[in-house]
Amino acid sequence: MVTLINEEIQKLSDSECIARIREHKARLGKELLILAHNYQRYDIVALSDYYSDSLDLAKRGKEAVEAKNIIFCGVHFMAQTSRVLASSDQRVFLPNHLAGCPLSDFAEIDQAETAWDEVTRIVGEDNIVPVAYVNSTVLIKAVCGRHDGTICTSANAKKVFTHYLKQNKRILFMPDEHLGHNTAVQLGIPRDEIVLYDPSKINGGLTEDQIKKGRIFLWKGHCHVHTAFTPELIHSMRERYPDAVVIVHPECPEPTVHAADLVGSTKFMAEYVKTAETGKTIVIGTEVNHVRNLAIQNPHLRILELSRSLCPNMFKINLKNLLYTLDNLGEVNEIFVKEDIKADALKAVERMFEITG
């Protein structure tokens, strides 16, 4: 249920909100866990108990057994994953239910089930597995769980793909075509065996021969934050900062990935920054708040955004709706997942843990 913030909180200054949030944290102690995704603005990160990527945060929630109330400062699919992993006596909250994810929305449940039926009719169910990027709805994760598939992150996609390819399995990968494409190319899959499935078309817009030949089926979907980065932007930054290291996210299109020095997940970016020498210039192509947070936390480095690419949904989480959730804890903004969906999604998540270790 979406709730409106009351007028009293609307009138508060940022400092007043922060003070009251800290009071809630002190009062609730370990019963409260505030998780912040890498793309959150710095004032939210500073109030969180943990700050990381979405799956790592969901695992933190599960491991924090004393935390009865988990507030996930991220977007909707992330809070759903946290709910899937959390225990039955933990409750998960999202400060703003309007914080969705356009990437996850590219794959709808009916489309995924249709795609599975269309492709398996030609190649057979025993020869293909569905793999969902963690940036997908709980319903898509549940489809993967039901059909002996799994999920992956941008950091472990290569390991998950390799696991199934060694078994001579084809992969239906949803919903980010660029992460799937970059991973397949990195693994040396011939390009004519990497096919793009368009859910708006019959058989994904593919011929029967293309489906028979395909090994990696990429869902037609993308993250607008990362498709905004281009090779031209990289070349421009290199002209200005010739000694800079350029890092981009694997959700970027292939030409951008090839133009960069390094490619990796948000966690990879943070770890690279931690070990960088003082004075180094690092240009990062990902959501702007992650870049700015890294710059604030590492003043001994020159950390620059490749360009300002903002996730407006992440930005929907703010001090006021976080405070409102805490003021009305247990009454508003809770995340619910049906038990059968949760069980199937959990199968997919646990299968990923088995594959990746």
Protein backbone atom coordinates (compact mmCIF):
# COMPACT_ATOMS: atom_id res chain seq x y z
CA MET A 1 0.00 0.00 0.00
CA VAL A 2 1.29 3.46 -0.90
CA THR A 3 0.95 6.03 1.85
CA LEU A 4 1.29 9.79 1.90
CA ILE A 5 3.69 11.55 4.24
CA ASN A 6 1.86 13.67 6.79
CA GLU A 7 2.10 17.45 6.84
CA GLU A 8 4.13 17.57 10.05
CA ILE A 9 7.00 15.59 8.51
CA GLN A 10 6.76 17.52 5.24
CA LYS A 11 7.65 20.71 7.13
CA LEU A 12 10.76 19.28 8.80
CA SER A 13 14.26 20.27 7.72
CA ASP A 14 16.78 17.61 6.74
CA SER A 15 18.63 18.02 10.04
CA GLU A 16 15.40 17.56 12.00
CA CYS A 17 14.59 14.41 10.03
CA ILE A 18 18.06 13.02 10.62
CA ALA A 19 17.83 13.69 14.36
CA ARG A 20 14.48 11.89 14.63
CA ILE A 21 15.67 8.94 12.54
CA ARG A 22 18.67 8.59 14.83
CA GLU A 23 16.32 8.60 17.83
CA HIS A 24 14.39 5.69 16.32
CA LYS A 25 17.64 3.82 15.69
CA ALA A 26 18.77 4.33 19.28
CA ARG A 27 15.37 3.27 20.67
CA LEU A 28 15.00 0.14 18.56
CA GLY A 29 18.64 -0.97 18.67
CA LYS A 30 19.34 -4.28 16.93
CA GLU A 31 15.64 -4.86 16.28
CA LEU A 32 15.94 -2.33 13.46
CA LEU A 33 18.12 -2.77 10.38
CA ILE A 34 18.39 -0.04 7.75
CA LEU A 35 19.88 -1.21 4.45
CA ALA A 36 20.96 1.22 1.73
CA HIS A 37 21.75 0.33 -1.86
CA ASN A 38 24.86 1.77 -3.53
CA TYR A 39 22.68 4.11 -5.59
CA GLN A 40 21.15 5.88 -2.60
CA ARG A 41 21.95 9.51 -1.90
CA TYR A 42 24.62 10.09 0.73
CA ASP A 43 22.32 11.25 3.56
CA ILE A 44 20.50 7.89 3.39
CA VAL A 45 23.77 5.95 3.20
CA ALA A 46 25.06 7.77 6.28
CA LEU A 47 22.03 6.62 8.29
CA SER A 48 22.16 3.00 7.15
CA ASP A 49 23.58 0.01 9.00
CA TYR A 50 24.85 -1.54 5.76
CA TYR A 51 25.55 -0.08 2.32
CA SER A 52 26.15 -2.42 -0.60
CA ASP A 53 24.58 -4.07 -3.66
CA SER A 54 21.07 -5.48 -3.54
CA LEU A 55 21.79 -9.18 -3.01
CA ASP A 56 24.48 -8.55 -0.40
CA LEU A 57 22.02 -6.36 1.51
CA ALA A 58 19.29 -9.01 1.35
CA LYS A 59 21.76 -11.55 2.77
CA ARG A 60 22.67 -9.10 5.54
CA GLY A 61 19.02 -8.90 6.48
CA LYS A 62 18.74 -12.67 6.70
CA GLU A 63 21.89 -12.93 8.81
CA ALA A 64 20.82 -10.20 11.24
CA VAL A 65 18.59 -12.53 13.25
CA GLU A 66 17.89 -9.93 15.94
CA ALA A 67 16.50 -7.50 13.35
CA LYS A 68 12.73 -7.79 13.45
CA ASN A 69 12.23 -4.79 11.17
CA ILE A 70 14.27 -4.38 7.97
CA ILE A 71 13.96 -1.10 6.11
CA PHE A 72 15.32 -1.50 2.59
CA CYS A 73 16.34 1.79 1.01
CA GLY A 74 16.39 0.77 -2.62
CA VAL A 75 13.78 -0.16 -5.22
CA HIS A 76 10.88 -2.57 -5.14
CA PHE A 77 12.48 -5.75 -6.51
CA MET A 78 15.30 -5.41 -3.97
CA ALA A 79 12.90 -5.26 -1.05
CA GLN A 80 11.08 -8.28 -2.52
CA THR A 81 14.35 -10.26 -2.58
CA SER A 82 14.98 -9.25 1.01
CA ARG A 83 11.48 -10.51 1.90
CA VAL A 84 12.21 -13.83 0.16
CA LEU A 85 15.41 -14.36 2.18
CA ALA A 86 14.16 -12.97 5.50
CA SER A 87 12.81 -15.26 8.21
CA SER A 88 9.12 -15.49 9.01
CA ASP A 89 9.49 -13.34 12.12
CA GLN A 90 11.21 -10.51 10.23
CA ARG A 91 9.29 -7.75 8.46
CA VAL A 92 10.58 -5.85 5.45
CA PHE A 93 9.67 -2.27 4.55
CA LEU A 94 10.29 -0.04 1.53
CA PRO A 95 10.00 3.69 2.38
CA ASN A 96 8.38 4.47 -0.96
CA HIS A 97 6.43 1.81 -2.85
CA LEU A 98 6.60 3.95 -5.98
CA ALA A 99 10.34 3.26 -6.17
CA GLY A 100 10.21 0.71 -8.97
CA CYS A 101 12.74 -0.40 -11.58
CA PRO A 102 12.19 0.06 -15.33
CA LEU A 103 14.74 -2.69 -16.05
CA SER A 104 12.87 -5.27 -13.98
CA ASP A 105 9.61 -4.14 -15.59
CA PHE A 106 10.87 -5.21 -19.03
CA ALA A 107 10.10 -8.83 -18.06
CA GLU A 108 6.50 -9.45 -17.06
CA ILE A 109 5.31 -12.79 -15.72
CA ASP A 110 2.96 -13.56 -18.63
CA GLN A 111 5.66 -12.73 -21.14
CA ALA A 112 8.20 -14.92 -19.37
CA GLU A 113 5.86 -17.90 -19.30
CA THR A 114 5.02 -17.39 -22.99
CA ALA A 115 8.71 -17.16 -23.86
CA TRP A 116 9.44 -20.36 -21.97
CA ASP A 117 6.64 -22.18 -23.81
CA GLU A 118 7.69 -20.85 -27.22
CA VAL A 119 11.38 -21.68 -26.91
CA THR A 120 11.00 -25.05 -25.16
CA ARG A 121 8.48 -26.16 -27.80
CA ILE A 122 11.37 -26.04 -30.28
CA VAL A 123 14.46 -26.96 -28.19
CA GLY A 124 12.86 -29.05 -25.43
CA GLU A 125 12.63 -28.28 -21.70
CA ASP A 126 15.59 -30.50 -20.83
CA ASN A 127 17.95 -28.45 -23.00
CA ILE A 128 17.44 -24.95 -21.59
CA VAL A 129 17.27 -23.17 -18.23
CA PRO A 130 15.85 -19.75 -17.32
CA VAL A 131 18.28 -17.41 -15.58
CA ALA A 132 17.09 -14.10 -14.18
CA TYR A 133 19.30 -11.18 -13.34
CA VAL A 134 18.80 -10.24 -9.69
CA ASN A 135 17.32 -7.01 -11.09
CA SER A 136 14.00 -8.74 -11.74
CA THR A 137 10.68 -9.04 -9.98
CA VAL A 138 10.00 -11.82 -7.51
CA LEU A 139 7.55 -13.32 -10.03
CA ILE A 140 10.33 -13.71 -12.61
CA LYS A 141 12.62 -15.25 -10.00
CA ALA A 142 9.80 -17.66 -9.15
CA VAL A 143 9.50 -18.72 -12.82
CA CYS A 144 13.20 -19.57 -12.74
CA GLY A 145 12.78 -21.52 -9.53
CA ARG A 146 9.88 -23.56 -10.94
CA HIS A 147 11.83 -24.51 -14.08
CA ASP A 148 15.08 -25.54 -12.37
CA GLY A 149 16.75 -22.25 -13.20
CA THR A 150 18.44 -19.66 -11.07
CA ILE A 151 19.37 -15.99 -10.74
CA CYS A 152 22.66 -14.16 -11.05
CA THR A 153 24.28 -10.85 -10.23
CA SER A 154 26.44 -8.71 -12.47
CA ALA A 155 29.43 -10.00 -10.48
CA ASN A 156 28.72 -13.73 -10.86
CA ALA A 157 26.90 -13.91 -14.22
CA LYS A 158 29.99 -15.41 -15.87
CA LYS A 159 30.16 -18.20 -13.28
CA VAL A 160 26.44 -18.97 -13.60
CA PHE A 161 26.55 -19.01 -17.41
CA THR A 162 29.64 -21.25 -17.36
CA HIS A 163 27.92 -23.70 -14.99
CA TYR A 164 25.07 -24.31 -17.42
CA LEU A 165 27.07 -24.13 -20.63
CA LYS A 166 29.31 -26.93 -19.35
CA GLN A 167 26.15 -29.03 -19.09
CA ASN A 168 25.32 -28.16 -22.72
CA LYS A 169 22.32 -26.17 -21.55
CA ARG A 170 20.96 -23.21 -23.43
CA ILE A 171 20.13 -20.14 -21.34
CA LEU A 172 17.08 -17.89 -21.45
CA PHE A 173 18.41 -14.76 -19.73
CA MET A 174 16.07 -12.06 -18.40
CA PRO A 175 15.72 -9.07 -18.41
CA ASP A 176 18.98 -7.20 -19.25
CA GLU A 177 20.22 -7.86 -22.79
CA HIS A 178 23.52 -6.01 -22.31
CA LEU A 179 24.70 -7.88 -19.22
CA GLY A 180 23.76 -11.14 -20.93
CA HIS A 181 25.42 -10.15 -24.19
CA ASN A 182 28.65 -8.96 -22.56
CA THR A 183 28.84 -12.13 -20.48
CA ALA A 184 28.27 -14.40 -23.48
CA VAL A 185 30.89 -12.56 -25.56
CA GLN A 186 33.36 -12.77 -22.69
CA LEU A 187 32.82 -16.54 -22.62
CA GLY A 188 33.52 -16.82 -26.33
CA ILE A 189 30.02 -17.78 -27.46
CA PRO A 190 29.76 -17.30 -31.24
CA ARG A 191 27.67 -14.26 -32.04
CA ASP A 192 25.22 -16.17 -34.22
CA GLU A 193 24.44 -18.33 -31.17
CA ILE A 194 23.54 -15.23 -29.11
CA VAL A 195 19.99 -14.25 -30.08
CA LEU A 196 17.74 -11.43 -28.94
CA TYR A 197 14.25 -12.43 -27.81
CA ASP A 198 11.67 -9.64 -28.15
CA PRO A 199 8.68 -10.50 -25.91
CA SER A 200 6.40 -8.24 -27.94
CA LYS A 201 6.72 -10.56 -30.96
CA ILE A 202 5.70 -14.15 -31.66
CA ASN A 203 8.61 -16.48 -30.89
CA GLY A 204 10.47 -13.39 -29.78
CA GLY A 205 10.80 -12.29 -33.39
CA LEU A 206 13.05 -15.30 -34.10
CA THR A 207 12.78 -17.94 -36.79
CA GLU A 208 12.65 -21.59 -35.83
CA ASP A 209 16.18 -22.04 -37.20
CA GLN A 210 17.47 -19.14 -35.06
CA ILE A 211 15.90 -20.68 -31.98
CA LYS A 212 17.38 -24.10 -32.78
CA LYS A 213 20.83 -22.53 -33.17
CA GLY A 214 20.62 -20.21 -30.19
CA ARG A 215 22.59 -20.96 -27.04
CA ILE A 216 22.03 -17.68 -25.21
CA PHE A 217 18.59 -16.10 -25.52
CA LEU A 218 18.74 -12.46 -24.43
CA TRP A 219 15.61 -10.69 -23.29
CA LYS A 220 15.05 -7.34 -24.97
CA GLY A 221 15.46 -5.05 -21.97
CA HIS A 222 17.95 -2.59 -20.57
CA CYS A 223 18.83 -0.19 -17.75
CA HIS A 224 18.48 3.39 -18.95
CA VAL A 225 21.08 4.52 -16.41
CA HIS A 226 23.78 2.47 -18.15
CA THR A 227 22.71 2.73 -21.78
CA ALA A 228 23.30 6.49 -21.37
CA PHE A 229 27.07 5.88 -21.38
CA THR A 230 28.77 5.88 -24.77
CA PRO A 231 32.29 5.41 -26.15
CA GLU A 232 32.27 9.10 -27.11
CA LEU A 233 31.87 10.07 -23.44
CA ILE A 234 34.83 7.87 -22.56
CA HIS A 235 36.99 9.38 -25.31
CA SER A 236 36.06 12.88 -24.13
CA MET A 237 37.04 12.12 -20.52
CA ARG A 238 40.31 10.57 -21.68
CA GLU A 239 41.18 13.77 -23.53
CA ARG A 240 40.62 15.74 -20.33
CA TYR A 241 42.21 13.21 -17.97
CA PRO A 242 44.72 11.12 -19.97
CA ASP A 243 45.97 9.24 -16.89
CA ALA A 244 42.50 8.28 -15.68
CA VAL A 245 41.23 4.73 -15.32
CA VAL A 246 37.72 4.34 -16.74
CA ILE A 247 35.40 1.76 -15.17
CA VAL A 248 31.92 0.97 -16.45
CA HIS A 249 29.14 -1.38 -15.42
CA PRO A 250 28.41 -4.55 -17.48
CA GLU A 251 24.86 -3.29 -18.05
CA CYS A 252 26.43 -0.86 -20.54
CA PRO A 253 26.25 -1.67 -24.27
CA GLU A 254 29.17 -3.64 -25.70
CA PRO A 255 30.89 -0.69 -27.48
CA THR A 256 31.02 1.22 -24.19
CA VAL A 257 32.41 -1.81 -22.36
CA HIS A 258 35.13 -2.20 -25.00
CA ALA A 259 36.08 1.47 -24.77
CA ALA A 260 36.56 1.32 -20.99
CA ASP A 261 39.64 0.10 -19.10
CA LEU A 262 37.69 -2.02 -16.65
CA VAL A 263 34.17 -3.39 -16.37
CA GLY A 264 32.55 -4.57 -13.16
CA SER A 265 29.69 -4.49 -10.70
CA THR A 266 29.07 -1.70 -8.21
CA LYS A 267 30.85 -3.83 -5.62
CA PHE A 268 33.83 -4.26 -7.95
CA MET A 269 33.98 -0.49 -8.38
CA ALA A 270 33.99 0.08 -4.62
CA GLU A 271 36.70 -2.52 -4.06
CA TYR A 272 38.86 -1.07 -6.83
CA VAL A 273 38.59 2.39 -5.30
CA LYS A 274 39.61 1.06 -1.86
CA THR A 275 42.97 -0.13 -3.17
CA ALA A 276 43.73 2.80 -5.49
CA GLU A 277 46.82 4.93 -4.88
CA THR A 278 46.40 8.43 -3.48
CA GLY A 279 45.88 11.02 -6.19
CA LYS A 280 44.66 8.55 -8.81
CA THR A 281 41.95 9.72 -11.20
CA ILE A 282 39.11 7.24 -11.65
CA VAL A 283 36.21 7.85 -14.02
CA ILE A 284 33.17 5.69 -13.28
CA GLY A 285 30.21 4.95 -15.53
CA THR A 286 27.32 3.99 -13.29
CA GLU A 287 24.51 5.65 -11.33
CA VAL A 288 25.67 9.08 -10.23
CA ASN A 289 24.99 8.69 -6.51
CA HIS A 290 27.27 5.66 -6.28
CA VAL A 291 30.04 7.68 -7.92
CA ARG A 292 29.45 10.64 -5.62
CA ASN A 293 29.34 8.43 -2.52
CA LEU A 294 32.67 6.87 -3.47
CA ALA A 295 34.13 10.35 -4.02
CA ILE A 296 32.93 11.52 -0.58
CA GLN A 297 34.30 8.42 1.12
CA ASN A 298 37.67 8.62 -0.67
CA PRO A 299 38.80 12.27 -0.70
CA HIS A 300 42.40 11.19 -1.41
CA LEU A 301 41.31 10.18 -4.94
CA ARG A 302 39.87 12.11 -7.86
CA ILE A 303 36.68 10.18 -8.61
CA LEU A 304 34.61 11.51 -11.48
CA GLU A 305 31.32 10.53 -13.06
CA LEU A 306 31.52 9.56 -16.72
CA SER A 307 28.32 11.59 -17.05
CA ARG A 308 25.43 12.38 -14.72
CA SER A 309 23.12 9.39 -15.08
CA LEU A 310 20.56 9.34 -12.27
CA CYS A 311 18.15 6.57 -11.27
CA PRO A 312 15.00 8.57 -10.46
CA ASN A 313 13.43 5.60 -8.69
CA MET A 314 16.33 5.26 -6.26
CA PHE A 315 15.98 8.99 -5.67
CA LYS A 316 12.38 8.46 -4.52
CA ILE A 317 13.75 7.23 -1.20
CA ASN A 318 14.40 10.26 0.99
CA LEU A 319 14.73 11.35 4.61
CA LYS A 320 11.05 12.19 4.94
CA ASN A 321 9.60 8.87 3.77
CA LEU A 322 12.25 7.00 5.77
CA LEU A 323 11.19 8.93 8.89
CA TYR A 324 7.50 8.40 8.11
CA THR A 325 8.10 4.64 7.86
CA LEU A 326 9.88 4.66 11.22
CA ASP A 327 7.23 6.84 12.89
CA ASN A 328 4.58 4.35 11.74
CA LEU A 329 6.66 1.19 11.86
CA GLY A 330 4.60 -1.92 11.20
CA GLU A 331 1.65 0.03 9.84
CA VAL A 332 2.86 1.37 6.49
CA ASN A 333 5.08 0.48 3.54
CA GLU A 334 5.50 -3.23 4.32
CA ILE A 335 6.54 -5.64 1.56
CA PHE A 336 4.56 -8.85 1.18
CA VAL A 337 5.22 -11.88 -1.05
CA LYS A 338 2.79 -14.79 -1.38
CA GLU A 339 4.14 -17.98 0.15
CA ASP A 340 4.08 -20.05 -3.06
CA ILE A 341 5.86 -17.31 -4.99
CA LYS A 342 8.35 -16.90 -2.17
CA ALA A 343 9.10 -20.64 -2.13
CA ASP A 344 9.76 -20.78 -5.89
CA ALA A 345 11.86 -17.60 -5.85
CA LEU A 346 13.87 -18.93 -2.92
CA LYS A 347 14.70 -22.06 -4.94
CA ALA A 348 16.22 -19.86 -7.64
CA VAL A 349 18.22 -17.80 -5.15
CA GLU A 350 19.51 -20.83 -3.25
CA ARG A 351 20.46 -22.53 -6.51
CA MET A 352 22.62 -19.51 -7.34
CA PHE A 353 24.37 -19.83 -3.97
CA GLU A 354 25.04 -23.52 -4.71
CA ILE A 355 26.51 -22.68 -8.12
CA THR A 356 28.64 -19.72 -7.07
CA GLY A 357 29.71 -20.93 -3.61
